[in-house]
Amino acid sequence: MRNKNKQAGFSLIELLVVSTIIIVLTTIGLMSFSAASKNSRDAKRKADMETVRQGLVLYRADKGMYPSGTVYGTMAQVLVGGDYMTDPYPTDPKNVSPNIYSYSSDGSDFCVCANMENSSNASSPTECPQGTTTYCVENP
């Protein structure tokens, strides 16, 4: 005979176990997504630095010197105006402080830098005195 007093459904413990598993898996997924997003933005920054370096090398081959100054946007406009880079010129994926590209040159040397979100992606040449979370390129 069947027990008519017993109700069908899940117990409170079963529901708590399932919801805990879902929360743990969601947290792990969000952390992985966050790390992947940071790494992809850092990869774009590195690619942008190489693009700017190539434009600066072409500019120097034609003009005999690098654009002097300390403002990235001004230098980038010079390269775009001379068809050494395409418009719009590369900007940081976030493009808000501290994630803004920097540039410095005295005409004979240059240093272009980007702040990395993941410090393991950073590397700075000796001629570019920047922080430990910075990726810089300089003249070859």
N, C-alpha and C. Protein backbone atom coordinates (compact mmCIF):
# COMPACT_ATOMS: atom_id res chain seq x y z
N MET A 1 0.81 -1.19 0.00
CA MET A 1 0.00 0.00 0.00
C MET A 1 0.85 1.26 0.00
N ARG A 2 0.35 2.28 -0.67
CA ARG A 2 1.07 3.55 -0.71
C ARG A 2 0.72 4.42 0.48
N ASN A 3 1.72 5.16 0.89
CA ASN A 3 1.52 6.10 1.98
C ASN A 3 0.96 7.39 1.41
N LYS A 4 -0.25 7.74 1.77
CA LYS A 4 -0.91 8.92 1.22
C LYS A 4 -0.43 10.21 1.86
N ASN A 5 0.23 10.16 2.99
CA ASN A 5 0.68 11.37 3.69
C ASN A 5 2.01 11.89 3.15
N LYS A 6 2.76 11.10 2.45
CA LYS A 6 4.07 11.52 1.94
C LYS A 6 3.88 12.35 0.67
N GLN A 7 4.51 13.54 0.63
CA GLN A 7 4.39 14.43 -0.52
C GLN A 7 5.60 14.26 -1.43
N ALA A 8 5.37 14.38 -2.74
CA ALA A 8 6.46 14.27 -3.70
C ALA A 8 7.18 15.62 -3.79
N GLY A 9 8.50 15.61 -4.03
CA GLY A 9 9.27 16.85 -4.17
C GLY A 9 10.66 16.69 -3.60
N PHE A 10 11.41 17.80 -3.62
CA PHE A 10 12.79 17.79 -3.13
C PHE A 10 12.82 18.25 -1.69
N SER A 11 13.77 17.70 -0.94
CA SER A 11 13.93 18.13 0.44
C SER A 11 14.74 19.43 0.46
N LEU A 12 14.74 20.10 1.57
CA LEU A 12 15.47 21.35 1.72
C LEU A 12 16.97 21.13 1.55
N ILE A 13 17.48 20.03 2.06
CA ILE A 13 18.91 19.72 1.93
C ILE A 13 19.29 19.55 0.46
N GLU A 14 18.48 18.84 -0.29
CA GLU A 14 18.77 18.64 -1.72
C GLU A 14 18.79 19.97 -2.46
N LEU A 15 17.87 20.85 -2.17
CA LEU A 15 17.84 22.16 -2.82
C LEU A 15 19.06 23.00 -2.45
N LEU A 16 19.48 22.94 -1.20
CA LEU A 16 20.67 23.68 -0.76
C LEU A 16 21.94 23.16 -1.43
N VAL A 17 22.06 21.86 -1.56
CA VAL A 17 23.24 21.27 -2.22
C VAL A 17 23.29 21.69 -3.69
N VAL A 18 22.18 21.60 -4.38
CA VAL A 18 22.15 21.98 -5.80
C VAL A 18 22.43 23.46 -5.97
N SER A 19 21.84 24.31 -5.15
CA SER A 19 22.09 25.75 -5.29
C SER A 19 23.53 26.10 -4.95
N THR A 20 24.15 25.43 -3.99
CA THR A 20 25.56 25.66 -3.67
C THR A 20 26.46 25.28 -4.84
N ILE A 21 26.17 24.15 -5.46
CA ILE A 21 26.96 23.72 -6.63
C ILE A 21 26.83 24.75 -7.76
N ILE A 22 25.65 25.23 -8.01
CA ILE A 22 25.44 26.23 -9.07
C ILE A 22 26.20 27.52 -8.75
N ILE A 23 26.19 27.97 -7.51
CA ILE A 23 26.90 29.18 -7.12
C ILE A 23 28.40 29.01 -7.30
N VAL A 24 28.95 27.88 -6.89
CA VAL A 24 30.39 27.63 -7.02
C VAL A 24 30.79 27.61 -8.49
N LEU A 25 30.04 26.92 -9.33
CA LEU A 25 30.36 26.86 -10.76
C LEU A 25 30.25 28.24 -11.41
N THR A 26 29.26 29.02 -11.04
CA THR A 26 29.11 30.38 -11.59
C THR A 26 30.29 31.26 -11.18
N THR A 27 30.71 31.18 -9.94
CA THR A 27 31.85 31.97 -9.47
C THR A 27 33.12 31.60 -10.23
N ILE A 28 33.36 30.33 -10.42
CA ILE A 28 34.55 29.89 -11.17
C ILE A 28 34.49 30.40 -12.61
N GLY A 29 33.33 30.33 -13.22
CA GLY A 29 33.17 30.81 -14.60
C GLY A 29 33.40 32.29 -14.72
N LEU A 30 32.89 33.08 -13.78
CA LEU A 30 33.09 34.53 -13.82
C LEU A 30 34.54 34.91 -13.62
N MET A 31 35.24 34.21 -12.74
CA MET A 31 36.65 34.50 -12.52
C MET A 31 37.47 34.18 -13.77
N SER A 32 37.16 33.08 -14.42
CA SER A 32 37.87 32.72 -15.65
C SER A 32 37.59 33.73 -16.75
N PHE A 33 36.36 34.17 -16.87
CA PHE A 33 36.00 35.16 -17.88
C PHE A 33 36.72 36.47 -17.63
N SER A 34 36.81 36.89 -16.38
CA SER A 34 37.49 38.13 -16.03
C SER A 34 38.97 38.06 -16.40
N ALA A 35 39.62 36.96 -16.08
CA ALA A 35 41.04 36.80 -16.41
C ALA A 35 41.25 36.77 -17.92
N ALA A 36 40.37 36.10 -18.64
CA ALA A 36 40.50 36.04 -20.11
C ALA A 36 40.30 37.42 -20.72
N SER A 37 39.38 38.19 -20.18
CA SER A 37 39.15 39.55 -20.69
C SER A 37 40.38 40.43 -20.49
N LYS A 38 40.98 40.35 -19.31
CA LYS A 38 42.19 41.14 -19.03
C LYS A 38 43.31 40.75 -19.98
N ASN A 39 43.50 39.45 -20.18
CA ASN A 39 44.58 38.99 -21.06
C ASN A 39 44.33 39.40 -22.51
N SER A 40 43.09 39.40 -22.95
CA SER A 40 42.82 39.81 -24.33
C SER A 40 43.04 41.31 -24.51
N ARG A 41 42.68 42.13 -23.51
CA ARG A 41 42.97 43.57 -23.61
C ARG A 41 44.47 43.82 -23.59
N ASP A 42 45.21 43.06 -22.78
CA ASP A 42 46.67 43.20 -22.76
C ASP A 42 47.28 42.80 -24.10
N ALA A 43 46.75 41.78 -24.74
CA ALA A 43 47.25 41.36 -26.06
C ALA A 43 47.00 42.46 -27.09
N LYS A 44 45.86 43.13 -27.01
CA LYS A 44 45.59 44.24 -27.92
C LYS A 44 46.56 45.38 -27.67
N ARG A 45 46.86 45.65 -26.42
CA ARG A 45 47.82 46.72 -26.09
C ARG A 45 49.19 46.41 -26.71
N LYS A 46 49.64 45.18 -26.58
CA LYS A 46 50.93 44.80 -27.15
C LYS A 46 50.93 44.95 -28.67
N ALA A 47 49.85 44.51 -29.31
CA ALA A 47 49.75 44.64 -30.76
C ALA A 47 49.74 46.12 -31.16
N ASP A 48 49.03 46.95 -30.40
CA ASP A 48 49.01 48.38 -30.68
C ASP A 48 50.40 48.99 -30.56
N MET A 49 51.16 48.59 -29.54
CA MET A 49 52.51 49.12 -29.36
C MET A 49 53.40 48.76 -30.55
N GLU A 50 53.25 47.56 -31.06
CA GLU A 50 54.04 47.14 -32.22
C GLU A 50 53.62 47.91 -33.48
N THR A 51 52.34 48.18 -33.62
CA THR A 51 51.86 48.97 -34.76
C THR A 51 52.44 50.37 -34.72
N VAL A 52 52.44 50.98 -33.54
CA VAL A 52 52.99 52.32 -33.39
C VAL A 52 54.49 52.31 -33.64
N ARG A 53 55.18 51.28 -33.14
CA ARG A 53 56.62 51.19 -33.38
C ARG A 53 56.92 51.15 -34.88
N GLN A 54 56.16 50.34 -35.61
CA GLN A 54 56.38 50.24 -37.06
C GLN A 54 56.14 51.58 -37.74
N GLY A 55 55.10 52.29 -37.33
CA GLY A 55 54.83 53.61 -37.90
C GLY A 55 55.94 54.59 -37.61
N LEU A 56 56.47 54.54 -36.39
CA LEU A 56 57.57 55.44 -36.02
C LEU A 56 58.85 55.12 -36.81
N VAL A 57 59.12 53.85 -37.02
CA VAL A 57 60.31 53.46 -37.79
C VAL A 57 60.18 53.94 -39.24
N LEU A 58 59.00 53.79 -39.82
CA LEU A 58 58.77 54.29 -41.19
C LEU A 58 58.91 55.81 -41.25
N TYR A 59 58.39 56.49 -40.25
CA TYR A 59 58.48 57.96 -40.19
C TYR A 59 59.95 58.38 -40.15
N ARG A 60 60.75 57.70 -39.31
CA ARG A 60 62.17 58.06 -39.21
C ARG A 60 62.92 57.76 -40.51
N ALA A 61 62.53 56.68 -41.18
CA ALA A 61 63.19 56.36 -42.45
C ALA A 61 62.97 57.48 -43.47
N ASP A 62 61.80 58.12 -43.44
CA ASP A 62 61.52 59.21 -44.37
C ASP A 62 62.03 60.56 -43.89
N LYS A 63 61.87 60.86 -42.61
CA LYS A 63 62.16 62.20 -42.08
C LYS A 63 63.51 62.32 -41.41
N GLY A 64 64.14 61.20 -41.07
CA GLY A 64 65.46 61.25 -40.43
C GLY A 64 65.41 61.38 -38.92
N MET A 65 64.23 61.50 -38.33
CA MET A 65 64.09 61.59 -36.88
C MET A 65 62.68 61.20 -36.48
N TYR A 66 62.50 60.89 -35.21
CA TYR A 66 61.18 60.56 -34.69
C TYR A 66 60.44 61.84 -34.32
N PRO A 67 59.11 61.83 -34.32
CA PRO A 67 58.38 63.01 -33.85
C PRO A 67 58.73 63.28 -32.39
N SER A 68 59.18 64.48 -32.08
CA SER A 68 59.56 64.78 -30.70
C SER A 68 58.33 65.22 -29.91
N GLY A 69 58.38 64.97 -28.62
CA GLY A 69 57.29 65.37 -27.75
C GLY A 69 57.00 64.31 -26.71
N THR A 70 55.95 64.58 -25.92
CA THR A 70 55.58 63.67 -24.84
C THR A 70 54.09 63.34 -24.85
N VAL A 71 53.38 63.69 -25.90
CA VAL A 71 51.94 63.43 -25.96
C VAL A 71 51.67 62.37 -27.02
N TYR A 72 51.08 61.25 -26.58
CA TYR A 72 50.82 60.15 -27.49
C TYR A 72 49.87 60.56 -28.63
N GLY A 73 48.80 61.24 -28.30
CA GLY A 73 47.81 61.63 -29.31
C GLY A 73 48.39 62.52 -30.39
N THR A 74 49.26 63.45 -30.02
CA THR A 74 49.89 64.34 -30.99
C THR A 74 50.80 63.55 -31.92
N MET A 75 51.61 62.66 -31.36
CA MET A 75 52.49 61.83 -32.17
C MET A 75 51.68 60.95 -33.12
N ALA A 76 50.60 60.36 -32.61
CA ALA A 76 49.77 59.49 -33.44
C ALA A 76 49.13 60.27 -34.59
N GLN A 77 48.70 61.50 -34.34
CA GLN A 77 48.13 62.33 -35.41
C GLN A 77 49.17 62.64 -36.48
N VAL A 78 50.42 62.85 -36.07
CA VAL A 78 51.50 63.09 -37.05
C VAL A 78 51.68 61.85 -37.93
N LEU A 79 51.67 60.67 -37.31
CA LEU A 79 51.84 59.44 -38.09
C LEU A 79 50.65 59.18 -39.01
N VAL A 80 49.45 59.47 -38.53
CA VAL A 80 48.25 59.29 -39.36
C VAL A 80 48.27 60.28 -40.51
N GLY A 81 48.66 61.54 -40.24
CA GLY A 81 48.71 62.57 -41.28
C GLY A 81 49.72 62.26 -42.37
N GLY A 82 50.79 61.55 -42.02
CA GLY A 82 51.81 61.19 -43.00
C GLY A 82 51.59 59.82 -43.60
N ASP A 83 50.45 59.19 -43.35
CA ASP A 83 50.11 57.86 -43.84
C ASP A 83 51.07 56.78 -43.33
N TYR A 84 51.58 56.94 -42.13
CA TYR A 84 52.41 55.92 -41.52
C TYR A 84 51.58 54.99 -40.64
N MET A 85 50.37 55.43 -40.29
CA MET A 85 49.41 54.62 -39.54
C MET A 85 48.02 54.95 -40.07
N THR A 86 47.09 54.02 -39.85
CA THR A 86 45.73 54.25 -40.30
C THR A 86 44.95 55.04 -39.25
N ASP A 87 43.90 55.69 -39.71
CA ASP A 87 43.02 56.43 -38.82
C ASP A 87 41.77 55.60 -38.61
N PRO A 88 41.28 55.37 -37.44
CA PRO A 88 41.73 55.93 -36.18
C PRO A 88 42.98 55.22 -35.66
N TYR A 89 43.85 56.00 -35.05
CA TYR A 89 45.08 55.43 -34.51
C TYR A 89 44.76 54.57 -33.28
N PRO A 90 45.66 53.66 -32.92
CA PRO A 90 45.41 52.75 -31.80
C PRO A 90 45.26 53.50 -30.47
N THR A 91 44.22 53.14 -29.74
CA THR A 91 44.03 53.65 -28.38
C THR A 91 43.80 52.46 -27.46
N ASP A 92 44.01 52.68 -26.19
CA ASP A 92 43.85 51.64 -25.21
C ASP A 92 42.41 51.12 -25.20
N PRO A 93 42.20 49.81 -25.02
CA PRO A 93 40.83 49.28 -24.99
C PRO A 93 39.93 49.93 -23.94
N LYS A 94 40.49 50.29 -22.80
CA LYS A 94 39.70 50.99 -21.78
C LYS A 94 39.77 52.50 -21.98
N ASN A 95 40.95 53.00 -22.31
CA ASN A 95 41.22 54.41 -22.63
C ASN A 95 40.76 55.37 -21.54
N VAL A 96 40.89 54.96 -20.30
CA VAL A 96 40.69 55.84 -19.16
C VAL A 96 41.86 55.62 -18.21
N SER A 97 42.23 56.64 -17.49
CA SER A 97 43.39 56.57 -16.60
C SER A 97 43.25 55.39 -15.65
N PRO A 98 44.27 54.60 -15.44
CA PRO A 98 45.65 54.70 -15.89
C PRO A 98 45.91 54.00 -17.22
N ASN A 99 44.87 53.58 -17.91
CA ASN A 99 45.04 52.84 -19.17
C ASN A 99 45.00 53.77 -20.37
N ILE A 100 46.00 54.61 -20.47
CA ILE A 100 46.15 55.50 -21.61
C ILE A 100 47.59 55.34 -22.10
N TYR A 101 47.77 55.22 -23.40
CA TYR A 101 49.11 55.04 -23.95
C TYR A 101 49.94 56.29 -23.72
N SER A 102 51.24 56.08 -23.52
CA SER A 102 52.14 57.22 -23.32
C SER A 102 53.27 57.16 -24.35
N TYR A 103 53.84 58.32 -24.60
CA TYR A 103 54.89 58.45 -25.60
C TYR A 103 55.89 59.49 -25.13
N SER A 104 57.14 59.24 -25.40
CA SER A 104 58.17 60.26 -25.17
C SER A 104 59.28 60.07 -26.19
N SER A 105 59.77 61.20 -26.71
CA SER A 105 60.85 61.15 -27.69
C SER A 105 61.58 62.48 -27.71
N ASP A 106 62.89 62.39 -27.92
CA ASP A 106 63.70 63.59 -28.11
C ASP A 106 64.09 63.76 -29.58
N GLY A 107 63.52 62.93 -30.45
CA GLY A 107 63.81 63.00 -31.87
C GLY A 107 64.74 61.89 -32.33
N SER A 108 65.66 61.46 -31.44
CA SER A 108 66.58 60.40 -31.82
C SER A 108 66.20 59.05 -31.21
N ASP A 109 65.48 59.06 -30.11
CA ASP A 109 65.00 57.85 -29.45
C ASP A 109 63.53 58.04 -29.12
N PHE A 110 62.80 56.92 -28.96
CA PHE A 110 61.41 57.02 -28.52
C PHE A 110 61.09 55.89 -27.56
N CYS A 111 60.02 56.08 -26.82
CA CYS A 111 59.49 55.06 -25.93
C CYS A 111 57.97 55.20 -25.92
N VAL A 112 57.26 54.13 -26.28
CA VAL A 112 55.80 54.11 -26.27
C VAL A 112 55.39 53.03 -25.27
N CYS A 113 54.50 53.38 -24.33
CA CYS A 113 54.15 52.46 -23.25
C CYS A 113 52.65 52.31 -23.06
N ALA A 114 52.28 51.18 -22.50
CA ALA A 114 50.90 50.90 -22.13
C ALA A 114 50.90 50.20 -20.78
N ASN A 115 49.94 50.55 -19.94
CA ASN A 115 49.79 49.87 -18.65
C ASN A 115 49.02 48.58 -18.86
N MET A 116 49.58 47.48 -18.34
CA MET A 116 48.96 46.17 -18.45
C MET A 116 48.06 45.92 -17.24
N GLU A 117 47.00 45.17 -17.45
CA GLU A 117 46.13 44.79 -16.34
C GLU A 117 46.67 43.57 -15.60
N ASN A 118 47.39 42.72 -16.31
CA ASN A 118 48.00 41.54 -15.71
C ASN A 118 49.51 41.77 -15.71
N SER A 119 50.10 41.87 -14.54
CA SER A 119 51.52 42.22 -14.46
C SER A 119 52.43 41.19 -15.13
N SER A 120 51.97 39.96 -15.31
CA SER A 120 52.81 38.96 -15.99
C SER A 120 52.96 39.26 -17.48
N ASN A 121 52.11 40.15 -18.03
CA ASN A 121 52.22 40.54 -19.43
C ASN A 121 53.15 41.73 -19.64
N ALA A 122 53.68 42.28 -18.57
CA ALA A 122 54.50 43.49 -18.66
C ALA A 122 55.95 43.15 -18.97
N SER A 123 56.58 44.05 -19.70
CA SER A 123 58.03 44.00 -19.90
C SER A 123 58.45 45.38 -20.36
N SER A 124 59.48 45.87 -19.76
CA SER A 124 59.90 47.23 -20.06
C SER A 124 61.38 47.26 -20.40
N PRO A 125 61.75 47.82 -21.55
CA PRO A 125 63.17 47.95 -21.87
C PRO A 125 63.85 48.91 -20.90
N THR A 126 65.16 48.84 -20.85
CA THR A 126 65.90 49.67 -19.90
C THR A 126 65.79 51.16 -20.22
N GLU A 127 65.57 51.53 -21.46
CA GLU A 127 65.49 52.93 -21.83
C GLU A 127 64.15 53.56 -21.47
N CYS A 128 63.17 52.76 -21.10
CA CYS A 128 61.85 53.27 -20.75
C CYS A 128 61.62 53.07 -19.27
N PRO A 129 61.91 54.05 -18.46
CA PRO A 129 61.75 53.88 -17.01
C PRO A 129 60.28 53.95 -16.61
N GLN A 130 59.61 52.81 -16.64
CA GLN A 130 58.20 52.76 -16.30
C GLN A 130 58.00 51.79 -15.14
N GLY A 131 56.75 51.60 -14.75
CA GLY A 131 56.42 50.72 -13.63
C GLY A 131 56.51 49.25 -14.00
N THR A 132 56.21 48.42 -13.01
CA THR A 132 56.32 46.98 -13.21
C THR A 132 55.12 46.40 -13.95
N THR A 133 54.07 47.18 -14.15
CA THR A 133 52.91 46.68 -14.88
C THR A 133 52.80 47.35 -16.25
N THR A 134 53.92 47.74 -16.80
CA THR A 134 53.94 48.48 -18.06
C THR A 134 54.61 47.66 -19.15
N TYR A 135 54.05 47.75 -20.35
CA TYR A 135 54.69 47.16 -21.54
C TYR A 135 55.13 48.32 -22.43
N CYS A 136 56.42 48.35 -22.75
CA CYS A 136 56.95 49.46 -23.56
C CYS A 136 57.70 48.93 -24.77
N VAL A 137 57.69 49.72 -25.81
CA VAL A 137 58.52 49.46 -26.97
C VAL A 137 59.38 50.70 -27.19
N GLU A 138 60.56 50.47 -27.76
CA GLU A 138 61.46 51.59 -28.05
C GLU A 138 62.05 51.40 -29.42
N ASN A 139 62.82 52.42 -29.84
CA ASN A 139 63.41 52.36 -31.17
C ASN A 139 64.34 51.16 -31.29
N PRO A 140 64.35 50.57 -32.49
CA PRO A 140 65.19 49.38 -32.68
C PRO A 140 66.67 49.71 -32.70
